[in-house]
C-alpha cells in the first residue's frame, strides 16, 4: 500500500462513515423527541454495543474458517449489514 492509497482509503472510510452516521442519529433524535429521551439513548447505546460485539464475532469466525479469502468475506458481511438500513420502519426515517 502506498501512502496515497492509504490516504484515499482513510478519506473514503471517514466520509462514508459520516454519511451513514448523520442520518441515523438524526432519525434517532427525532424518535427520542416523541418518546422518552433517556430510554431511547440507552436503547441506542445498548444496540450499538451488541451489534459491534456480534459483528466482531462474525468477522473473527469468518477469518478463522476462511483464512485466505476471509477479508473478502468480511467485506461482503459489512456490505450486507449496511443493507439493513432498508428495513428500518418509515417512522424511524421521518417518513411516517
C-alpha atoms as a PDB file:
ATOM      1  CA  UNK A   1       0.000   0.000   0.000  1.00  0.00           C
ATOM      2  CA  UNK A   2       1.295   3.371  -0.993  1.00  0.00           C
ATOM      3  CA  UNK A   3       0.916   6.456   1.191  1.00  0.00           C
ATOM      4  CA  UNK A   4      -1.507   7.959  -1.354  1.00  0.00           C
ATOM      5  CA  UNK A   5      -3.558   4.748  -1.343  1.00  0.00           C
ATOM      6  CA  UNK A   6      -3.752   4.812   2.443  1.00  0.00           C
ATOM      7  CA  UNK A   7      -4.806   8.466   2.370  1.00  0.00           C
ATOM      8  CA  UNK A   8      -7.538   7.784  -0.197  1.00  0.00           C
ATOM      9  CA  UNK A   9      -8.811   4.709   1.681  1.00  0.00           C
ATOM     10  CA  UNK A  10      -8.865   6.563   5.013  1.00  0.00           C
ATOM     11  CA  UNK A  11     -10.645   9.545   3.481  1.00  0.00           C
ATOM     12  CA  UNK A  12     -13.247   7.310   1.828  1.00  0.00           C
ATOM     13  CA  UNK A  13     -13.802   5.449   5.107  1.00  0.00           C
ATOM     14  CA  UNK A  14     -14.294   8.609   7.149  1.00  0.00           C
ATOM     15  CA  UNK A  15     -16.543  10.185   4.528  1.00  0.00           C
ATOM     16  CA  UNK A  16     -18.772   7.101   4.221  1.00  0.00           C
ATOM     17  CA  UNK A  17     -18.943   6.733   7.986  1.00  0.00           C
ATOM     18  CA  UNK A  18     -20.193  10.301   8.366  1.00  0.00           C
ATOM     19  CA  UNK A  19     -22.648   9.846   5.503  1.00  0.00           C
ATOM     20  CA  UNK A  20     -24.262   6.935   7.372  1.00  0.00           C
ATOM     21  CA  UNK A  21     -23.961   8.259  10.910  1.00  0.00           C
ATOM     22  CA  UNK A  22     -25.563  11.670  10.439  1.00  0.00           C
ATOM     23  CA  UNK A  23     -28.942  10.477   9.060  1.00  0.00           C
ATOM     24  CA  UNK A  24     -29.074   7.647  11.579  1.00  0.00           C
ATOM     25  CA  UNK A  25     -28.502   9.939  14.544  1.00  0.00           C
ATOM     26  CA  UNK A  26     -30.941  12.479  13.135  1.00  0.00           C
ATOM     27  CA  UNK A  27     -33.772   9.951  12.951  1.00  0.00           C
ATOM     28  CA  UNK A  28     -32.842   8.586  16.371  1.00  0.00           C
ATOM     29  CA  UNK A  29     -33.095  12.018  17.962  1.00  0.00           C
ATOM     30  CA  UNK A  30     -36.367  12.726  16.130  1.00  0.00           C
ATOM     31  CA  UNK A  31     -37.742   9.475  17.548  1.00  0.00           C
ATOM     32  CA  UNK A  32     -36.459  10.407  21.017  1.00  0.00           C
ATOM     33  CA  UNK A  33     -38.303  13.733  20.900  1.00  0.00           C
ATOM     34  CA  UNK A  34     -41.595  11.866  20.501  1.00  0.00           C
ATOM     35  CA  UNK A  35     -40.868   9.312  23.222  1.00  0.00           C
ATOM     36  CA  UNK A  36     -38.546   9.128  26.224  1.00  0.00           C
ATOM     37  CA  UNK A  37     -35.127  10.610  25.522  1.00  0.00           C
ATOM     38  CA  UNK A  38     -33.383   8.576  28.235  1.00  0.00           C
ATOM     39  CA  UNK A  39     -34.931   5.265  27.176  1.00  0.00           C
ATOM     40  CA  UNK A  40     -34.082   5.932  23.538  1.00  0.00           C
ATOM     41  CA  UNK A  41     -30.471   6.877  24.351  1.00  0.00           C
ATOM     42  CA  UNK A  42     -29.977   3.772  26.476  1.00  0.00           C
ATOM     43  CA  UNK A  43     -31.550   1.577  23.813  1.00  0.00           C
ATOM     44  CA  UNK A  44     -29.350   3.164  21.135  1.00  0.00           C
ATOM     45  CA  UNK A  45     -26.138   2.584  23.081  1.00  0.00           C
ATOM     46  CA  UNK A  46     -27.089  -0.987  24.005  1.00  0.00           C
ATOM     47  CA  UNK A  47     -27.977  -1.793  20.406  1.00  0.00           C
ATOM     48  CA  UNK A  48     -24.721  -0.373  19.067  1.00  0.00           C
ATOM     49  CA  UNK A  49     -22.680  -2.317  21.633  1.00  0.00           C
ATOM     50  CA  UNK A  50     -24.439  -5.600  20.924  1.00  0.00           C
ATOM     51  CA  UNK A  51     -24.132  -5.093  17.167  1.00  0.00           C
ATOM     52  CA  UNK A  52     -20.402  -4.366  17.442  1.00  0.00           C
ATOM     53  CA  UNK A  53     -19.817  -7.495  19.504  1.00  0.00           C
ATOM     54  CA  UNK A  54     -21.874  -9.675  17.137  1.00  0.00           C
ATOM     55  CA  UNK A  55     -20.145  -8.248  14.071  1.00  0.00           C
ATOM     56  CA  UNK A  56     -16.694  -8.722  15.593  1.00  0.00           C
ATOM     57  CA  UNK A  57     -17.515 -12.333  16.488  1.00  0.00           C
ATOM     58  CA  UNK A  58     -18.792 -12.970  12.959  1.00  0.00           C
ATOM     59  CA  UNK A  59     -15.676 -11.383  11.433  1.00  0.00           C
ATOM     60  CA  UNK A  60     -13.372 -13.452  13.657  1.00  0.00           C
ATOM     61  CA  UNK A  61     -15.260 -16.627  12.752  1.00  0.00           C
ATOM     62  CA  UNK A  62     -15.038 -15.816   9.034  1.00  0.00           C
ATOM     63  CA  UNK A  63     -11.305 -15.110   9.283  1.00  0.00           C
ATOM     64  CA  UNK A  64     -10.793 -18.335  11.247  1.00  0.00           C
ATOM     65  CA  UNK A  65     -12.688 -20.583   8.827  1.00  0.00           C
ATOM     66  CA  UNK A  66     -11.595 -18.865   5.616  1.00  0.00           C
ATOM     67  CA  UNK A  67      -8.011 -17.669   6.182  1.00  0.00           C
ATOM     68  CA  UNK A  68      -7.206 -16.997   2.503  1.00  0.00           C
ATOM     69  CA  UNK A  69     -10.358 -15.180   1.390  1.00  0.00           C
ATOM     70  CA  UNK A  70     -11.553 -14.087   4.800  1.00  0.00           C
ATOM     71  CA  UNK A  71     -11.100 -10.361   4.208  1.00  0.00           C
ATOM     72  CA  UNK A  72     -13.267 -10.505   1.094  1.00  0.00           C
ATOM     73  CA  UNK A  73     -15.984 -12.333   3.033  1.00  0.00           C
ATOM     74  CA  UNK A  74     -15.787  -9.826   5.894  1.00  0.00           C
ATOM     75  CA  UNK A  75     -16.181  -7.062   3.320  1.00  0.00           C
ATOM     76  CA  UNK A  76     -19.282  -8.825   1.969  1.00  0.00           C
ATOM     77  CA  UNK A  77     -20.608  -9.134   5.530  1.00  0.00           C
ATOM     78  CA  UNK A  78     -20.148  -5.402   6.044  1.00  0.00           C
ATOM     79  CA  UNK A  79     -21.978  -4.710   2.795  1.00  0.00           C
ATOM     80  CA  UNK A  80     -24.836  -6.991   3.795  1.00  0.00           C
ATOM     81  CA  UNK A  81     -25.093  -5.325   7.196  1.00  0.00           C
ATOM     82  CA  UNK A  82     -25.264  -1.881   5.587  1.00  0.00           C
ATOM     83  CA  UNK A  83     -28.294  -3.056   3.599  1.00  0.00           C
ATOM     84  CA  UNK A  84     -30.171  -3.474   6.882  1.00  0.00           C
ATOM     85  CA  UNK A  85     -30.850   0.280   6.845  1.00  0.00           C
ATOM     86  CA  UNK A  86     -33.531  -0.532   4.265  1.00  0.00           C
ATOM     87  CA  UNK A  87     -35.505  -2.451   6.884  1.00  0.00           C
ATOM     88  CA  UNK A  88     -35.878   0.482   9.257  1.00  0.00           C
ATOM     89  CA  UNK A  89     -39.510   1.455   9.708  1.00  0.00           C
ATOM     90  CA  UNK A  90     -40.666   4.507   7.763  1.00  0.00           C
ATOM     91  CA  UNK A  91     -41.488   6.278  11.045  1.00  0.00           C
ATOM     92  CA  UNK A  92     -37.831   5.981  12.080  1.00  0.00           C
ATOM     93  CA  UNK A  93     -36.770   7.544   8.799  1.00  0.00           C
ATOM     94  CA  UNK A  94     -39.064  10.523   9.311  1.00  0.00           C
ATOM     95  CA  UNK A  95     -41.428   9.464   6.517  1.00  0.00           C
ATOM     96  CA  UNK A  96     -44.353   8.240   8.524  1.00  0.00           C
END
